[in-house]
Each structure stands twice: as C-alpha cells, then as structure tokens.
Amino acid sequence: MNQGRWSVDFSATHARRDLRRLDPQVRVRVIAALERLAANDPTIEALKLKGSDEWRIRVGDWRLRFTREDATRTIHVTRVLPRGRAYER
C-alpha cells in the first residue's frame, strides 16, 4: 500500500453485523488490526484473494475481507468471518 493513512469504511451491512456479533476481546483485536492496516503498518500482511478484487488480513482465527479504493485511499470492509467461512463462495 502507499504511504500515509487510509480511511476505513464499514458501509457493508454484513461487515457491521459481523463486527457487532464478535466477542468483545476479538472485536478489540479486529479494530486494532484495521487501525494498523489504515496506518500502513508494515507488519500487517494483507493478501489479495485469487480471482477477486478483495483482500484479506488475519486476526487469529478470524479473517477480515476488504476492498481497496486507491483513488480515495479507502478500505471498504466487506466481511469479518471465522477462518472456515471466510473463503466460501
């Protein structure tokens, strides 16, 4: 990703619902990971999903799926799912 801060968007209904349903401890870890991603922390490993415009980061057993809009420097979170469900089509 480019240098500088990105904004994070939870406009996807599924993403907001997924985040609300998490245990409080997991929610804190997910939000912290998103903050690090938005700040371009080099320790965050974001991988592009094959055959998709989506990316993902790992937070323990959870996966955060998102798209990036480079022009507006926005990260659009699409889902927050457990590892087993994160890659279902």
PDB file of N, CA and C in Angstrom:
ATOM      1  N   MET A   1       0.839  -1.181   0.000  1.00  0.00           N
ATOM      2  CA  MET A   1       0.000   0.000   0.000  1.00  0.00           C
ATOM      3  C   MET A   1       0.884   1.244   0.000  1.00  0.00           C
ATOM      4  N   ASN A   2       0.296   2.351  -0.383  1.00  0.00           N
ATOM      5  CA  ASN A   2       1.034   3.600  -0.419  1.00  0.00           C
ATOM      6  C   ASN A   2       1.284   4.125   0.984  1.00  0.00           C
ATOM      7  N   GLN A   3       2.191   5.095   1.067  1.00  0.00           N
ATOM      8  CA  GLN A   3       2.458   5.707   2.364  1.00  0.00           C
ATOM      9  C   GLN A   3       1.299   6.615   2.747  1.00  0.00           C
ATOM     10  N   GLY A   4       1.178   6.889   4.035  1.00  0.00           N
ATOM     11  CA  GLY A   4       0.097   7.744   4.515  1.00  0.00           C
ATOM     12  C   GLY A   4      -1.068   6.932   5.041  1.00  0.00           C
ATOM     13  N   ARG A   5      -1.987   7.622   5.669  1.00  0.00           N
ATOM     14  CA  ARG A   5      -3.121   6.969   6.321  1.00  0.00           C
ATOM     15  C   ARG A   5      -4.288   6.762   5.355  1.00  0.00           C
ATOM     16  N   TRP A   6      -4.975   5.656   5.522  1.00  0.00           N
ATOM     17  CA  TRP A   6      -6.173   5.327   4.763  1.00  0.00           C
ATOM     18  C   TRP A   6      -7.372   5.462   5.690  1.00  0.00           C
ATOM     19  N   SER A   7      -8.551   5.643   5.124  1.00  0.00           N
ATOM     20  CA  SER A   7      -9.759   5.630   5.946  1.00  0.00           C
ATOM     21  C   SER A   7     -10.382   4.235   5.841  1.00  0.00           C
ATOM     22  N   VAL A   8     -11.130   3.853   6.870  1.00  0.00           N
ATOM     23  CA  VAL A   8     -11.778   2.543   6.915  1.00  0.00           C
ATOM     24  C   VAL A   8     -13.283   2.754   6.888  1.00  0.00           C
ATOM     25  N   ASP A   9     -13.958   2.004   5.998  1.00  0.00           N
ATOM     26  CA  ASP A   9     -15.395   2.147   5.796  1.00  0.00           C
ATOM     27  C   ASP A   9     -16.085   0.819   6.097  1.00  0.00           C
ATOM     28  N   PHE A  10     -17.120   0.863   6.924  1.00  0.00           N
ATOM     29  CA  PHE A  10     -17.923  -0.322   7.266  1.00  0.00           C
ATOM     30  C   PHE A  10     -19.333  -0.181   6.680  1.00  0.00           C
ATOM     31  N   SER A  11     -19.432   0.340   5.466  1.00  0.00           N
ATOM     32  CA  SER A  11     -20.760   0.568   4.909  1.00  0.00           C
ATOM     33  C   SER A  11     -21.468  -0.728   4.520  1.00  0.00           C
ATOM     34  N   ALA A  12     -20.723  -1.814   4.332  1.00  0.00           N
ATOM     35  CA  ALA A  12     -21.357  -3.098   4.005  1.00  0.00           C
ATOM     36  C   ALA A  12     -22.132  -3.602   5.222  1.00  0.00           C
ATOM     37  N   THR A  13     -23.403  -3.892   5.044  1.00  0.00           N
ATOM     38  CA  THR A  13     -24.259  -4.347   6.132  1.00  0.00           C
ATOM     39  C   THR A  13     -23.686  -5.587   6.802  1.00  0.00           C
ATOM     40  N   HIS A  14     -23.185  -6.525   6.003  1.00  0.00           N
ATOM     41  CA  HIS A  14     -22.621  -7.749   6.558  1.00  0.00           C
ATOM     42  C   HIS A  14     -21.437  -7.440   7.481  1.00  0.00           C
ATOM     43  N   ALA A  15     -20.592  -6.519   7.087  1.00  0.00           N
ATOM     44  CA  ALA A  15     -19.406  -6.196   7.881  1.00  0.00           C
ATOM     45  C   ALA A  15     -19.800  -5.611   9.239  1.00  0.00           C
ATOM     46  N   ARG A  16     -20.754  -4.699   9.248  1.00  0.00           N
ATOM     47  CA  ARG A  16     -21.207  -4.110  10.523  1.00  0.00           C
ATOM     48  C   ARG A  16     -21.804  -5.176  11.423  1.00  0.00           C
ATOM     49  N   ARG A  17     -22.638  -6.047  10.841  1.00  0.00           N
ATOM     50  CA  ARG A  17     -23.256  -7.119  11.622  1.00  0.00           C
ATOM     51  C   ARG A  17     -22.192  -8.087  12.144  1.00  0.00           C
ATOM     52  N   ASP A  18     -21.241  -8.462  11.289  1.00  0.00           N
ATOM     53  CA  ASP A  18     -20.168  -9.368  11.705  1.00  0.00           C
ATOM     54  C   ASP A  18     -19.407  -8.788  12.898  1.00  0.00           C
ATOM     55  N   LEU A  19     -19.086  -7.513  12.831  1.00  0.00           N
ATOM     56  CA  LEU A  19     -18.323  -6.869  13.899  1.00  0.00           C
ATOM     57  C   LEU A  19     -19.128  -6.835  15.202  1.00  0.00           C
ATOM     58  N   ARG A  20     -20.415  -6.524  15.115  1.00  0.00           N
ATOM     59  CA  ARG A  20     -21.270  -6.479  16.315  1.00  0.00           C
ATOM     60  C   ARG A  20     -21.369  -7.833  17.000  1.00  0.00           C
ATOM     61  N   ARG A  21     -21.328  -8.905  16.243  1.00  0.00           N
ATOM     62  CA  ARG A  21     -21.506 -10.248  16.796  1.00  0.00           C
ATOM     63  C   ARG A  21     -20.246 -10.837  17.425  1.00  0.00           C
ATOM     64  N   LEU A  22     -19.105 -10.188  17.257  1.00  0.00           N
ATOM     65  CA  LEU A  22     -17.860 -10.717  17.808  1.00  0.00           C
ATOM     66  C   LEU A  22     -17.822 -10.590  19.324  1.00  0.00           C
ATOM     67  N   ASP A  23     -17.077 -11.494  19.960  1.00  0.00           N
ATOM     68  CA  ASP A  23     -16.804 -11.340  21.385  1.00  0.00           C
ATOM     69  C   ASP A  23     -16.044 -10.031  21.574  1.00  0.00           C
ATOM     70  N   PRO A  24     -16.241  -9.354  22.697  1.00  0.00           N
ATOM     71  CA  PRO A  24     -15.577  -8.065  22.902  1.00  0.00           C
ATOM     72  C   PRO A  24     -14.055  -8.112  22.735  1.00  0.00           C
ATOM     73  N   GLN A  25     -13.407  -9.176  23.220  1.00  0.00           N
ATOM     74  CA  GLN A  25     -11.948  -9.257  23.098  1.00  0.00           C
ATOM     75  C   GLN A  25     -11.524  -9.375  21.638  1.00  0.00           C
ATOM     76  N   VAL A  26     -12.251 -10.151  20.871  1.00  0.00           N
ATOM     77  CA  VAL A  26     -11.939 -10.316  19.449  1.00  0.00           C
ATOM     78  C   VAL A  26     -12.208  -9.015  18.703  1.00  0.00           C
ATOM     79  N   ARG A  27     -13.309  -8.349  19.040  1.00  0.00           N
ATOM     80  CA  ARG A  27     -13.645  -7.071  18.397  1.00  0.00           C
ATOM     81  C   ARG A  27     -12.527  -6.054  18.590  1.00  0.00           C
ATOM     82  N   VAL A  28     -11.968  -6.001  19.792  1.00  0.00           N
ATOM     83  CA  VAL A  28     -10.862  -5.068  20.059  1.00  0.00           C
ATOM     84  C   VAL A  28      -9.662  -5.405  19.171  1.00  0.00           C
ATOM     85  N   ARG A  29      -9.356  -6.697  19.031  1.00  0.00           N
ATOM     86  CA  ARG A  29      -8.224  -7.113  18.192  1.00  0.00           C
ATOM     87  C   ARG A  29      -8.472  -6.805  16.722  1.00  0.00           C
ATOM     88  N   VAL A  30      -9.707  -6.995  16.265  1.00  0.00           N
ATOM     89  CA  VAL A  30     -10.057  -6.703  14.875  1.00  0.00           C
ATOM     90  C   VAL A  30      -9.920  -5.214  14.592  1.00  0.00           C
ATOM     91  N   ILE A  31     -10.450  -4.388  15.470  1.00  0.00           N
ATOM     92  CA  ILE A  31     -10.366  -2.933  15.286  1.00  0.00           C
ATOM     93  C   ILE A  31      -8.919  -2.471  15.324  1.00  0.00           C
ATOM     94  N   ALA A  32      -8.119  -3.053  16.220  1.00  0.00           N
ATOM     95  CA  ALA A  32      -6.700  -2.692  16.282  1.00  0.00           C
ATOM     96  C   ALA A  32      -5.986  -3.074  14.981  1.00  0.00           C
ATOM     97  N   ALA A  33      -6.319  -4.235  14.419  1.00  0.00           N
ATOM     98  CA  ALA A  33      -5.706  -4.656  13.157  1.00  0.00           C
ATOM     99  C   ALA A  33      -6.099  -3.711  12.025  1.00  0.00           C
ATOM    100  N   LEU A  34      -7.352  -3.283  12.013  1.00  0.00           N
ATOM    101  CA  LEU A  34      -7.792  -2.337  10.982  1.00  0.00           C
ATOM    102  C   LEU A  34      -7.086  -0.992  11.129  1.00  0.00           C
ATOM    103  N   GLU A  35      -6.878  -0.559  12.356  1.00  0.00           N
ATOM    104  CA  GLU A  35      -6.147   0.690  12.584  1.00  0.00           C
ATOM    105  C   GLU A  35      -4.710   0.578  12.066  1.00  0.00           C
ATOM    106  N   ARG A  36      -4.092  -0.567  12.324  1.00  0.00           N
ATOM    107  CA  ARG A  36      -2.729  -0.781  11.826  1.00  0.00           C
ATOM    108  C   ARG A  36      -2.715  -0.832  10.305  1.00  0.00           C
ATOM    109  N   LEU A  37      -3.723  -1.463   9.695  1.00  0.00           N
ATOM    110  CA  LEU A  37      -3.817  -1.515   8.242  1.00  0.00           C
ATOM    111  C   LEU A  37      -3.981  -0.110   7.669  1.00  0.00           C
ATOM    112  N   ALA A  38      -4.845   0.689   8.267  1.00  0.00           N
ATOM    113  CA  ALA A  38      -5.078   2.054   7.799  1.00  0.00           C
ATOM    114  C   ALA A  38      -3.834   2.925   7.939  1.00  0.00           C
ATOM    115  N   ALA A  39      -3.006   2.615   8.916  1.00  0.00           N
ATOM    116  CA  ALA A  39      -1.782   3.388   9.141  1.00  0.00           C
ATOM    117  C   ALA A  39      -0.593   2.839   8.355  1.00  0.00           C
ATOM    118  N   ASN A  40      -0.835   1.853   7.492  1.00  0.00           N
ATOM    119  CA  ASN A  40       0.223   1.240   6.676  1.00  0.00           C
ATOM    120  C   ASN A  40       1.307   0.574   7.509  1.00  0.00           C
ATOM    121  N   ASP A  41       0.927  -0.048   8.595  1.00  0.00           N
ATOM    122  CA  ASP A  41       1.880  -0.787   9.428  1.00  0.00           C
ATOM    123  C   ASP A  41       2.467  -1.925   8.586  1.00  0.00           C
ATOM    124  N   PRO A  42       3.798  -1.966   8.437  1.00  0.00           N
ATOM    125  CA  PRO A  42       4.406  -2.994   7.590  1.00  0.00           C
ATOM    126  C   PRO A  42       4.284  -4.409   8.156  1.00  0.00           C
ATOM    127  N   THR A  43       3.881  -4.561   9.415  1.00  0.00           N
ATOM    128  CA  THR A  43       3.745  -5.901   9.989  1.00  0.00           C
ATOM    129  C   THR A  43       2.400  -6.549   9.647  1.00  0.00           C
ATOM    130  N   ILE A  44       1.465  -5.779   9.101  1.00  0.00           N
ATOM    131  CA  ILE A  44       0.173  -6.335   8.675  1.00  0.00           C
ATOM    132  C   ILE A  44       0.376  -6.983   7.315  1.00  0.00           C
ATOM    133  N   GLU A  45       0.002  -8.248   7.221  1.00  0.00           N
ATOM    134  CA  GLU A  45       0.154  -8.979   5.964  1.00  0.00           C
ATOM    135  C   GLU A  45      -1.204  -9.059   5.273  1.00  0.00           C
ATOM    136  N   ALA A  46      -1.417  -8.162   4.323  1.00  0.00           N
ATOM    137  CA  ALA A  46      -2.656  -8.165   3.544  1.00  0.00           C
ATOM    138  C   ALA A  46      -2.394  -8.937   2.259  1.00  0.00           C
ATOM    139  N   LEU A  47      -3.223  -9.935   1.996  1.00  0.00           N
ATOM    140  CA  LEU A  47      -3.076 -10.750   0.796  1.00  0.00           C
ATOM    141  C   LEU A  47      -4.285 -10.571  -0.108  1.00  0.00           C
ATOM    142  N   LYS A  48      -4.022 -10.451  -1.394  1.00  0.00           N
ATOM    143  CA  LYS A  48      -5.105 -10.354  -2.375  1.00  0.00           C
ATOM    144  C   LYS A  48      -5.655 -11.746  -2.629  1.00  0.00           C
ATOM    145  N   LEU A  49      -6.978 -11.875  -2.609  1.00  0.00           N
ATOM    146  CA  LEU A  49      -7.612 -13.165  -2.857  1.00  0.00           C
ATOM    147  C   LEU A  49      -7.618 -13.451  -4.350  1.00  0.00           C
ATOM    148  N   LYS A  50      -7.275 -14.660  -4.712  1.00  0.00           N
ATOM    149  CA  LYS A  50      -7.228 -15.047  -6.125  1.00  0.00           C
ATOM    150  C   LYS A  50      -8.618 -14.968  -6.746  1.00  0.00           C
ATOM    151  N   GLY A  51      -8.678 -14.438  -7.962  1.00  0.00           N
ATOM    152  CA  GLY A  51      -9.937 -14.366  -8.691  1.00  0.00           C
ATOM    153  C   GLY A  51     -10.927 -13.366  -8.133  1.00  0.00           C
ATOM    154  N   SER A  52     -10.445 -12.393  -7.361  1.00  0.00           N
ATOM    155  CA  SER A  52     -11.339 -11.443  -6.710  1.00  0.00           C
ATOM    156  C   SER A  52     -10.639 -10.097  -6.571  1.00  0.00           C
ATOM    157  N   ASP A  53     -11.415  -9.045  -6.372  1.00  0.00           N
ATOM    158  CA  ASP A  53     -10.852  -7.728  -6.071  1.00  0.00           C
ATOM    159  C   ASP A  53     -10.624  -7.558  -4.579  1.00  0.00           C
ATOM    160  N   GLU A  54     -10.995  -8.576  -3.799  1.00  0.00           N
ATOM    161  CA  GLU A  54     -10.902  -8.484  -2.345  1.00  0.00           C
ATOM    162  C   GLU A  54      -9.520  -8.865  -1.834  1.00  0.00           C
ATOM    163  N   TRP A  55      -9.218  -8.322  -0.674  1.00  0.00           N
ATOM    164  CA  TRP A  55      -8.005  -8.623   0.070  1.00  0.00           C
ATOM    165  C   TRP A  55      -8.434  -9.227   1.394  1.00  0.00           C
ATOM    166  N   ARG A  56      -7.468  -9.768   2.150  1.00  0.00           N
ATOM    167  CA  ARG A  56      -7.785 -10.262   3.481  1.00  0.00           C
ATOM    168  C   ARG A  56      -6.595 -10.076   4.404  1.00  0.00           C
ATOM    169  N   ILE A  57      -6.912  -9.910   5.684  1.00  0.00           N
ATOM    170  CA  ILE A  57      -5.900  -9.954   6.732  1.00  0.00           C
ATOM    171  C   ILE A  57      -6.376 -10.945   7.777  1.00  0.00           C
ATOM    172  N   ARG A  58      -5.414 -11.523   8.483  1.00  0.00           N
ATOM    173  CA  ARG A  58      -5.724 -12.486   9.540  1.00  0.00           C
ATOM    174  C   ARG A  58      -5.663 -11.799  10.890  1.00  0.00           C
ATOM    175  N   VAL A  59      -6.601 -12.161  11.742  1.00  0.00           N
ATOM    176  CA  VAL A  59      -6.587 -11.730  13.141  1.00  0.00           C
ATOM    177  C   VAL A  59      -6.910 -12.986  13.936  1.00  0.00           C
ATOM    178  N   GLY A  60      -5.884 -13.730  14.306  1.00  0.00           N
ATOM    179  CA  GLY A  60      -6.089 -15.009  14.967  1.00  0.00           C
ATOM    180  C   GLY A  60      -6.824 -15.955  14.042  1.00  0.00           C
ATOM    181  N   ASP A  61      -7.963 -16.496  14.505  1.00  0.00           N
ATOM    182  CA  ASP A  61      -8.768 -17.403  13.690  1.00  0.00           C
ATOM    183  C   ASP A  61      -9.794 -16.661  12.838  1.00  0.00           C
ATOM    184  N   TRP A  62      -9.736 -15.353  12.815  1.00  0.00           N
ATOM    185  CA  TRP A  62     -10.694 -14.536  12.072  1.00  0.00           C
ATOM    186  C   TRP A  62     -10.035 -13.947  10.838  1.00  0.00           C
ATOM    187  N   ARG A  63     -10.843 -13.714   9.805  1.00  0.00           N
ATOM    188  CA  ARG A  63     -10.371 -13.116   8.567  1.00  0.00           C
ATOM    189  C   ARG A  63     -11.199 -11.883   8.263  1.00  0.00           C
ATOM    190  N   LEU A  64     -10.509 -10.799   7.950  1.00  0.00           N
ATOM    191  CA  LEU A  64     -11.164  -9.555   7.557  1.00  0.00           C
ATOM    192  C   LEU A  64     -11.023  -9.427   6.055  1.00  0.00           C
ATOM    193  N   ARG A  65     -12.143  -9.432   5.362  1.00  0.00           N
ATOM    194  CA  ARG A  65     -12.130  -9.275   3.911  1.00  0.00           C
ATOM    195  C   ARG A  65     -12.468  -7.828   3.591  1.00  0.00           C
ATOM    196  N   PHE A  66     -11.734  -7.267   2.617  1.00  0.00           N
ATOM    197  CA  PHE A  66     -11.941  -5.867   2.278  1.00  0.00           C
ATOM    198  C   PHE A  66     -11.524  -5.604   0.839  1.00  0.00           C
ATOM    199  N   THR A  67     -11.994  -4.474   0.329  1.00  0.00           N
ATOM    200  CA  THR A  67     -11.535  -3.966  -0.960  1.00  0.00           C
ATOM    201  C   THR A  67     -10.834  -2.649  -0.683  1.00  0.00           C
ATOM    202  N   ARG A  68      -9.985  -2.264  -1.628  1.00  0.00           N
ATOM    203  CA  ARG A  68      -9.247  -1.003  -1.500  1.00  0.00           C
ATOM    204  C   ARG A  68      -9.629  -0.079  -2.641  1.00  0.00           C
ATOM    205  N   GLU A  69      -9.820   1.164  -2.327  1.00  0.00           N
ATOM    206  CA  GLU A  69     -10.067   2.181  -3.342  1.00  0.00           C
ATOM    207  C   GLU A  69      -8.891   3.151  -3.276  1.00  0.00           C
ATOM    208  N   ASP A  70      -7.941   2.937  -4.183  1.00  0.00           N
ATOM    209  CA  ASP A  70      -6.697   3.710  -4.153  1.00  0.00           C
ATOM    210  C   ASP A  70      -6.921   5.205  -4.359  1.00  0.00           C
ATOM    211  N   ALA A  71      -7.849   5.570  -5.226  1.00  0.00           N
ATOM    212  CA  ALA A  71      -8.072   6.983  -5.546  1.00  0.00           C
ATOM    213  C   ALA A  71      -8.487   7.785  -4.318  1.00  0.00           C
ATOM    214  N   THR A  72      -9.323   7.194  -3.460  1.00  0.00           N
ATOM    215  CA  THR A  72      -9.788   7.908  -2.264  1.00  0.00           C
ATOM    216  C   THR A  72      -9.083   7.428  -0.997  1.00  0.00           C
ATOM    217  N   ARG A  73      -8.164   6.462  -1.160  1.00  0.00           N
ATOM    218  CA  ARG A  73      -7.420   5.880  -0.036  1.00  0.00           C
ATOM    219  C   ARG A  73      -8.391   5.361   1.036  1.00  0.00           C
ATOM    220  N   THR A  74      -9.343   4.540   0.573  1.00  0.00           N
ATOM    221  CA  THR A  74     -10.362   3.995   1.458  1.00  0.00           C
ATOM    222  C   THR A  74     -10.311   2.477   1.458  1.00  0.00           C
ATOM    223  N   ILE A  75     -10.421   1.893   2.639  1.00  0.00           N
ATOM    224  CA  ILE A  75     -10.521   0.449   2.818  1.00  0.00           C
ATOM    225  C   ILE A  75     -11.985   0.162   3.128  1.00  0.00           C
ATOM    226  N   HIS A  76     -12.638  -0.620   2.273  1.00  0.00           N
ATOM    227  CA  HIS A  76     -14.047  -0.975   2.454  1.00  0.00           C
ATOM    228  C   HIS A  76     -14.107  -2.387   3.021  1.00  0.00           C
ATOM    229  N   VAL A  77     -14.415  -2.515   4.303  1.00  0.00           N
ATOM    230  CA  VAL A  77     -14.511  -3.828   4.943  1.00  0.00           C
ATOM    231  C   VAL A  77     -15.807  -4.482   4.468  1.00  0.00           C
ATOM    232  N   THR A  78     -15.686  -5.718   3.931  1.00  0.00           N
ATOM    233  CA  THR A  78     -16.862  -6.413   3.423  1.00  0.00           C
ATOM    234  C   THR A  78     -17.351  -7.497   4.366  1.00  0.00           C
ATOM    235  N   ARG A  79     -16.434  -8.193   5.038  1.00  0.00           N
ATOM    236  CA  ARG A  79     -16.824  -9.260   5.968  1.00  0.00           C
ATOM    237  C   ARG A  79     -15.771  -9.420   7.051  1.00  0.00           C
ATOM    238  N   VAL A  80     -16.205  -9.914   8.210  1.00  0.00           N
ATOM    239  CA  VAL A  80     -15.337 -10.339   9.308  1.00  0.00           C
ATOM    240  C   VAL A  80     -15.843 -11.725   9.685  1.00  0.00           C
ATOM    241  N   LEU A  81     -15.087 -12.755   9.277  1.00  0.00           N
ATOM    242  CA  LEU A  81     -15.576 -14.127   9.403  1.00  0.00           C
ATOM    243  C   LEU A  81     -14.540 -15.046  10.030  1.00  0.00           C
ATOM    244  N   PRO A  82     -15.005 -16.149  10.646  1.00  0.00           N
ATOM    245  CA  PRO A  82     -14.044 -17.149  11.111  1.00  0.00           C
ATOM    246  C   PRO A  82     -13.357 -17.782   9.902  1.00  0.00           C
ATOM    247  N   ARG A  83     -12.166 -18.274  10.105  1.00  0.00           N
ATOM    248  CA  ARG A  83     -11.334 -18.795   9.028  1.00  0.00           C
ATOM    249  C   ARG A  83     -12.077 -19.777   8.132  1.00  0.00           C
ATOM    250  N   GLY A  84     -12.835 -20.681   8.691  1.00  0.00           N
ATOM    251  CA  GLY A  84     -13.515 -21.702   7.917  1.00  0.00           C
ATOM    252  C   GLY A  84     -14.573 -21.174   6.958  1.00  0.00           C
ATOM    253  N   ARG A  85     -15.174 -20.037   7.280  1.00  0.00           N
ATOM    254  CA  ARG A  85     -16.234 -19.476   6.432  1.00  0.00           C
ATOM    255  C   ARG A  85     -15.746 -18.340   5.545  1.00  0.00           C
ATOM    256  N   ALA A  86     -14.539 -17.874   5.766  1.00  0.00           N
ATOM    257  CA  ALA A  86     -14.055 -16.662   5.095  1.00  0.00           C
ATOM    258  C   ALA A  86     -13.878 -16.837   3.595  1.00  0.00           C
ATOM    259  N   TYR A  87     -13.689 -18.055   3.126  1.00  0.00           N
ATOM    260  CA  TYR A  87     -13.372 -18.240   1.717  1.00  0.00           C
ATOM    261  C   TYR A  87     -14.466 -18.960   0.946  1.00  0.00           C
ATOM    262  N   GLU A  88     -15.625 -19.146   1.565  1.00  0.00           N
ATOM    263  CA  GLU A  88     -16.756 -19.768   0.880  1.00  0.00           C
ATOM    264  C   GLU A  88     -17.267 -18.832  -0.202  1.00  0.00           C
ATOM    265  N   ARG A  89     -17.723 -19.394  -1.280  1.00  0.00           N
ATOM    266  CA  ARG A  89     -18.269 -18.573  -2.370  1.00  0.00           C
ATOM    267  C   ARG A  89     -19.753 -18.685  -2.409  1.00  0.00           C
TER     268      ARG A  89
END
